Amino acid sequence: MTTLAVTNTRRPFNILPWIVLLAIAGLAIAGLMAASTPSISEMQQVQIDWLTIEVDVSESHAVDRHGSDALRVRECMDSGNIHSTWWNPYSGKYILVCNLDGDDVTWGVRIVRRVGTKWKEVTAFIRRQATSWSDMEEYLLDGGDVLTWIAPK
């Protein structure tokens, strides 16, 4: 009778390289998430009538495109001088209007939108063509969007 002896030449499974790879991937993902988290200086409190929200301004083109006008509008909003708030149900954007100089001539517009659980500024600018509230209201309503005025509480 012949017997065959088989020896096991397989190495045991080594899990250490997989753990190292997963740790590197986890650190890379955490680094990306930390890079995309806005800093405190990129967050601003905004009052939408009865609701105070934190708005991320890091991705807004407001200052790049409108310069100091955007900063004036933000300051006006921060001072609580919001004249009216409008909502576009199709885009989900909120349009906040403030009277910059209290003279019914200079109107600032700030547009914010909700992204998931966060709020982001889309833009902020001064509407120089509107020299009265009726001009401003016409600008808002003639834009082709359906807007809903939000009554202050």
C-alpha atoms as a PDB file:
ATOM      1  CA  MET A   1       0.000   0.000   0.000  1.00  0.00           C
ATOM      2  CA  THR A   2       1.232   3.403  -0.934  1.00  0.00           C
ATOM      3  CA  THR A   3       0.626   6.463   1.217  1.00  0.00           C
ATOM      4  CA  LEU A   4       0.795   9.986   0.104  1.00  0.00           C
ATOM      5  CA  ALA A   5       1.918  12.597   2.549  1.00  0.00           C
ATOM      6  CA  VAL A   6       0.835  16.157   1.807  1.00  0.00           C
ATOM      7  CA  THR A   7       2.376  19.032   3.630  1.00  0.00           C
ATOM      8  CA  ASN A   8       0.596  22.355   3.927  1.00  0.00           C
ATOM      9  CA  THR A   9       2.748  24.990   2.224  1.00  0.00           C
ATOM     10  CA  ARG A  10       0.207  27.868   2.459  1.00  0.00           C
ATOM     11  CA  ARG A  11       1.176  30.746   4.632  1.00  0.00           C
ATOM     12  CA  PRO A  12      -1.344  31.921   7.182  1.00  0.00           C
ATOM     13  CA  PHE A  13      -3.400  34.963   6.149  1.00  0.00           C
ATOM     14  CA  ASN A  14      -1.703  38.165   7.253  1.00  0.00           C
ATOM     15  CA  ILE A  15      -4.215  40.882   8.123  1.00  0.00           C
ATOM     16  CA  LEU A  16      -1.656  43.557   9.015  1.00  0.00           C
ATOM     17  CA  PRO A  17      -1.255  45.015   5.470  1.00  0.00           C
ATOM     18  CA  TRP A  18      -5.047  45.370   5.189  1.00  0.00           C
ATOM     19  CA  ILE A  19      -5.262  47.190   8.496  1.00  0.00           C
ATOM     20  CA  VAL A  20      -2.500  49.586   7.388  1.00  0.00           C
ATOM     21  CA  LEU A  21      -4.280  50.263   4.070  1.00  0.00           C
ATOM     22  CA  LEU A  22      -7.606  50.920   5.808  1.00  0.00           C
ATOM     23  CA  ALA A  23      -5.919  53.262   8.291  1.00  0.00           C
ATOM     24  CA  ILE A  24      -4.299  55.258   5.457  1.00  0.00           C
ATOM     25  CA  ALA A  25      -7.630  55.470   3.592  1.00  0.00           C
ATOM     26  CA  GLY A  26      -9.400  56.592   6.784  1.00  0.00           C
ATOM     27  CA  LEU A  27      -6.830  59.318   7.414  1.00  0.00           C
ATOM     28  CA  ALA A  28      -7.128  60.522   3.812  1.00  0.00           C
ATOM     29  CA  ILE A  29     -10.922  60.743   4.059  1.00  0.00           C
ATOM     30  CA  ALA A  30     -10.716  62.533   7.412  1.00  0.00           C
ATOM     31  CA  GLY A  31      -8.244  65.022   5.916  1.00  0.00           C
ATOM     32  CA  LEU A  32     -10.561  65.739   2.995  1.00  0.00           C
ATOM     33  CA  MET A  33     -13.522  66.239   5.320  1.00  0.00           C
ATOM     34  CA  ALA A  34     -11.519  68.590   7.546  1.00  0.00           C
ATOM     35  CA  ALA A  35     -10.411  70.604   4.510  1.00  0.00           C
ATOM     36  CA  SER A  36     -14.001  71.058   3.360  1.00  0.00           C
ATOM     37  CA  THR A  37     -15.303  72.091   6.793  1.00  0.00           C
ATOM     38  CA  PRO A  38     -15.613  75.876   6.901  1.00  0.00           C
ATOM     39  CA  SER A  39     -13.645  77.735   9.525  1.00  0.00           C
ATOM     40  CA  ILE A  40     -15.277  79.954  12.099  1.00  0.00           C
ATOM     41  CA  SER A  41     -14.402  83.069  10.059  1.00  0.00           C
ATOM     42  CA  GLU A  42     -16.325  81.652   7.092  1.00  0.00           C
ATOM     43  CA  MET A  43     -19.534  81.271   9.112  1.00  0.00           C
ATOM     44  CA  GLN A  44     -21.941  84.132   9.757  1.00  0.00           C
ATOM     45  CA  GLN A  45     -25.147  84.353  11.713  1.00  0.00           C
ATOM     46  CA  VAL A  46     -28.118  85.448   9.645  1.00  0.00           C
ATOM     47  CA  GLN A  47     -31.575  86.326  10.866  1.00  0.00           C
ATOM     48  CA  ILE A  48     -34.369  85.101   8.605  1.00  0.00           C
ATOM     49  CA  ASP A  49     -37.211  86.866  10.371  1.00  0.00           C
ATOM     50  CA  TRP A  50     -37.825  84.680  13.452  1.00  0.00           C
ATOM     51  CA  LEU A  51     -35.040  82.170  12.682  1.00  0.00           C
ATOM     52  CA  THR A  52     -31.327  82.734  13.296  1.00  0.00           C
ATOM     53  CA  ILE A  53     -29.093  80.541  11.157  1.00  0.00           C
ATOM     54  CA  GLU A  54     -25.352  80.043  10.630  1.00  0.00           C
ATOM     55  CA  VAL A  55     -24.423  80.721   7.002  1.00  0.00           C
ATOM     56  CA  ASP A  56     -21.261  79.423   5.350  1.00  0.00           C
ATOM     57  CA  VAL A  57     -19.799  82.150   3.129  1.00  0.00           C
ATOM     58  CA  SER A  58     -16.698  80.195   2.043  1.00  0.00           C
ATOM     59  CA  GLU A  59     -18.102  79.228  -1.374  1.00  0.00           C
ATOM     60  CA  SER A  60     -19.969  82.463  -2.064  1.00  0.00           C
ATOM     61  CA  HIS A  61     -18.843  84.599  -4.971  1.00  0.00           C
ATOM     62  CA  ALA A  62     -20.206  87.736  -3.298  1.00  0.00           C
ATOM     63  CA  VAL A  63     -16.952  89.434  -2.288  1.00  0.00           C
ATOM     64  CA  ASP A  64     -15.042  88.264  -5.389  1.00  0.00           C
ATOM     65  CA  ARG A  65     -17.699  89.591  -7.729  1.00  0.00           C
ATOM     66  CA  HIS A  66     -19.261  92.500  -5.815  1.00  0.00           C
ATOM     67  CA  GLY A  67     -16.408  93.546  -3.501  1.00  0.00           C
ATOM     68  CA  SER A  68     -17.187  95.980  -0.699  1.00  0.00           C
ATOM     69  CA  ASP A  69     -20.863  96.077  -1.733  1.00  0.00           C
ATOM     70  CA  ALA A  70     -21.206  92.480  -0.529  1.00  0.00           C
ATOM     71  CA  LEU A  71     -19.571  93.367   2.779  1.00  0.00           C
ATOM     72  CA  ARG A  72     -21.950  96.329   3.231  1.00  0.00           C
ATOM     73  CA  VAL A  73     -24.944  94.075   2.613  1.00  0.00           C
ATOM     74  CA  ARG A  74     -23.648  91.500   5.114  1.00  0.00           C
ATOM     75  CA  GLU A  75     -23.152  94.253   7.722  1.00  0.00           C
ATOM     76  CA  CYS A  76     -26.673  95.520   7.069  1.00  0.00           C
ATOM     77  CA  MET A  77     -28.077  92.021   7.601  1.00  0.00           C
ATOM     78  CA  ASP A  78     -25.945  91.530  10.727  1.00  0.00           C
ATOM     79  CA  SER A  79     -27.369  94.737  12.207  1.00  0.00           C
ATOM     80  CA  GLY A  80     -30.877  93.280  11.877  1.00  0.00           C
ATOM     81  CA  ASN A  81     -31.973  95.813   9.296  1.00  0.00           C
ATOM     82  CA  ILE A  82     -33.745  93.247   7.104  1.00  0.00           C
ATOM     83  CA  HIS A  83     -36.594  94.879   5.234  1.00  0.00           C
ATOM     84  CA  SER A  84     -38.175  91.717   3.848  1.00  0.00           C
ATOM     85  CA  THR A  85     -37.531  88.036   3.222  1.00  0.00           C
ATOM     86  CA  TRP A  86     -38.628  86.139   0.135  1.00  0.00           C
ATOM     87  CA  TRP A  87     -38.546  82.441  -0.643  1.00  0.00           C
ATOM     88  CA  ASN A  88     -38.341  80.694  -4.002  1.00  0.00           C
ATOM     89  CA  PRO A  89     -40.058  77.307  -3.573  1.00  0.00           C
ATOM     90  CA  TYR A  90     -38.528  75.926  -6.775  1.00  0.00           C
ATOM     91  CA  SER A  91     -34.887  76.666  -6.026  1.00  0.00           C
ATOM     92  CA  GLY A  92     -35.243  76.670  -2.218  1.00  0.00           C
ATOM     93  CA  LYS A  93     -33.321  79.953  -2.025  1.00  0.00           C
ATOM     94  CA  TYR A  94     -34.131  82.704   0.444  1.00  0.00           C
ATOM     95  CA  ILE A  95     -33.751  86.298  -0.693  1.00  0.00           C
ATOM     96  CA  LEU A  96     -33.168  88.784   2.086  1.00  0.00           C
ATOM     97  CA  VAL A  97     -33.562  92.476   1.305  1.00  0.00           C
ATOM     98  CA  CYS A  98     -32.217  95.258   3.483  1.00  0.00           C
ATOM     99  CA  ASN A  99     -32.362  99.026   3.257  1.00  0.00           C
ATOM    100  CA  LEU A 100     -28.715 100.011   3.524  1.00  0.00           C
ATOM    101  CA  ASP A 101     -29.008 103.699   4.332  1.00  0.00           C
ATOM    102  CA  GLY A 102     -32.571 103.829   5.645  1.00  0.00           C
ATOM    103  CA  ASP A 103     -33.454 106.173   2.806  1.00  0.00           C
ATOM    104  CA  ASP A 104     -35.647 103.930   0.628  1.00  0.00           C
ATOM    105  CA  VAL A 105     -33.040 104.388  -2.142  1.00  0.00           C
ATOM    106  CA  THR A 106     -30.179 101.951  -1.495  1.00  0.00           C
ATOM    107  CA  TRP A 107     -31.198  98.291  -1.381  1.00  0.00           C
ATOM    108  CA  GLY A 108     -29.035  95.291  -0.561  1.00  0.00           C
ATOM    109  CA  VAL A 109     -29.843  91.735  -1.548  1.00  0.00           C
ATOM    110  CA  ARG A 110     -28.474  88.562   0.027  1.00  0.00           C
ATOM    111  CA  ILE A 111     -29.354  85.122  -1.287  1.00  0.00           C
ATOM    112  CA  VAL A 112     -28.875  82.028   0.883  1.00  0.00           C
ATOM    113  CA  ARG A 113     -29.817  78.401   0.359  1.00  0.00           C
ATOM    114  CA  ARG A 114     -29.978  75.291   2.444  1.00  0.00           C
ATOM    115  CA  VAL A 115     -27.670  72.431   1.511  1.00  0.00           C
ATOM    116  CA  GLY A 116     -28.472  69.372   3.582  1.00  0.00           C
ATOM    117  CA  THR A 117     -28.361  70.563   7.170  1.00  0.00           C
ATOM    118  CA  LYS A 118     -26.194  73.615   6.432  1.00  0.00           C
ATOM    119  CA  TRP A 119     -26.888  77.065   5.003  1.00  0.00           C
ATOM    120  CA  LYS A 120     -24.688  78.609   2.318  1.00  0.00           C
ATOM    121  CA  GLU A 121     -24.564  82.115   0.948  1.00  0.00           C
ATOM    122  CA  VAL A 122     -25.045  82.255  -2.819  1.00  0.00           C
ATOM    123  CA  THR A 123     -24.331  85.965  -3.217  1.00  0.00           C
ATOM    124  CA  ALA A 124     -24.790  89.429  -1.739  1.00  0.00           C
ATOM    125  CA  PHE A 125     -24.944  92.666  -3.715  1.00  0.00           C
ATOM    126  CA  ILE A 126     -26.420  96.168  -3.914  1.00  0.00           C
ATOM    127  CA  ARG A 127     -29.218  96.632  -6.433  1.00  0.00           C
ATOM    128  CA  ARG A 128     -28.244 100.091  -7.703  1.00  0.00           C
ATOM    129  CA  GLN A 129     -30.998 100.242 -10.325  1.00  0.00           C
ATOM    130  CA  ALA A 130     -33.683 100.145  -7.631  1.00  0.00           C
ATOM    131  CA  THR A 131     -34.170 103.641  -6.261  1.00  0.00           C
ATOM    132  CA  SER A 132     -37.375 102.941  -4.323  1.00  0.00           C
ATOM    133  CA  TRP A 133     -39.106 100.017  -2.672  1.00  0.00           C
ATOM    134  CA  SER A 134     -41.492  99.709  -5.634  1.00  0.00           C
ATOM    135  CA  ASP A 135     -38.462  99.378  -7.983  1.00  0.00           C
ATOM    136  CA  MET A 136     -36.971  96.761  -5.690  1.00  0.00           C
ATOM    137  CA  GLU A 137     -40.220  94.822  -5.445  1.00  0.00           C
ATOM    138  CA  GLU A 138     -40.595  94.953  -9.237  1.00  0.00           C
ATOM    139  CA  TYR A 139     -37.040  93.614  -9.614  1.00  0.00           C
ATOM    140  CA  LEU A 140     -37.809  90.723  -7.272  1.00  0.00           C
ATOM    141  CA  LEU A 141     -41.132  89.782  -8.845  1.00  0.00           C
ATOM    142  CA  ASP A 142     -40.182  90.312 -12.498  1.00  0.00           C
ATOM    143  CA  GLY A 143     -37.258  87.906 -12.353  1.00  0.00           C
ATOM    144  CA  GLY A 144     -39.406  85.093 -13.700  1.00  0.00           C
ATOM    145  CA  ASP A 145     -39.280  83.158 -10.456  1.00  0.00           C
ATOM    146  CA  VAL A 146     -42.232  82.492  -8.225  1.00  0.00           C
ATOM    147  CA  LEU A 147     -41.440  84.133  -4.912  1.00  0.00           C
ATOM    148  CA  THR A 148     -43.261  83.885  -1.636  1.00  0.00           C
ATOM    149  CA  TRP A 149     -43.018  86.779   0.787  1.00  0.00           C
ATOM    150  CA  ILE A 150     -42.370  85.618   4.337  1.00  0.00           C
ATOM    151  CA  ALA A 151     -44.252  87.747   6.819  1.00  0.00           C
ATOM    152  CA  PRO A 152     -42.221  88.786   9.855  1.00  0.00           C
ATOM    153  CA  LYS A 153     -43.382  87.424  13.211  1.00  0.00           C
END
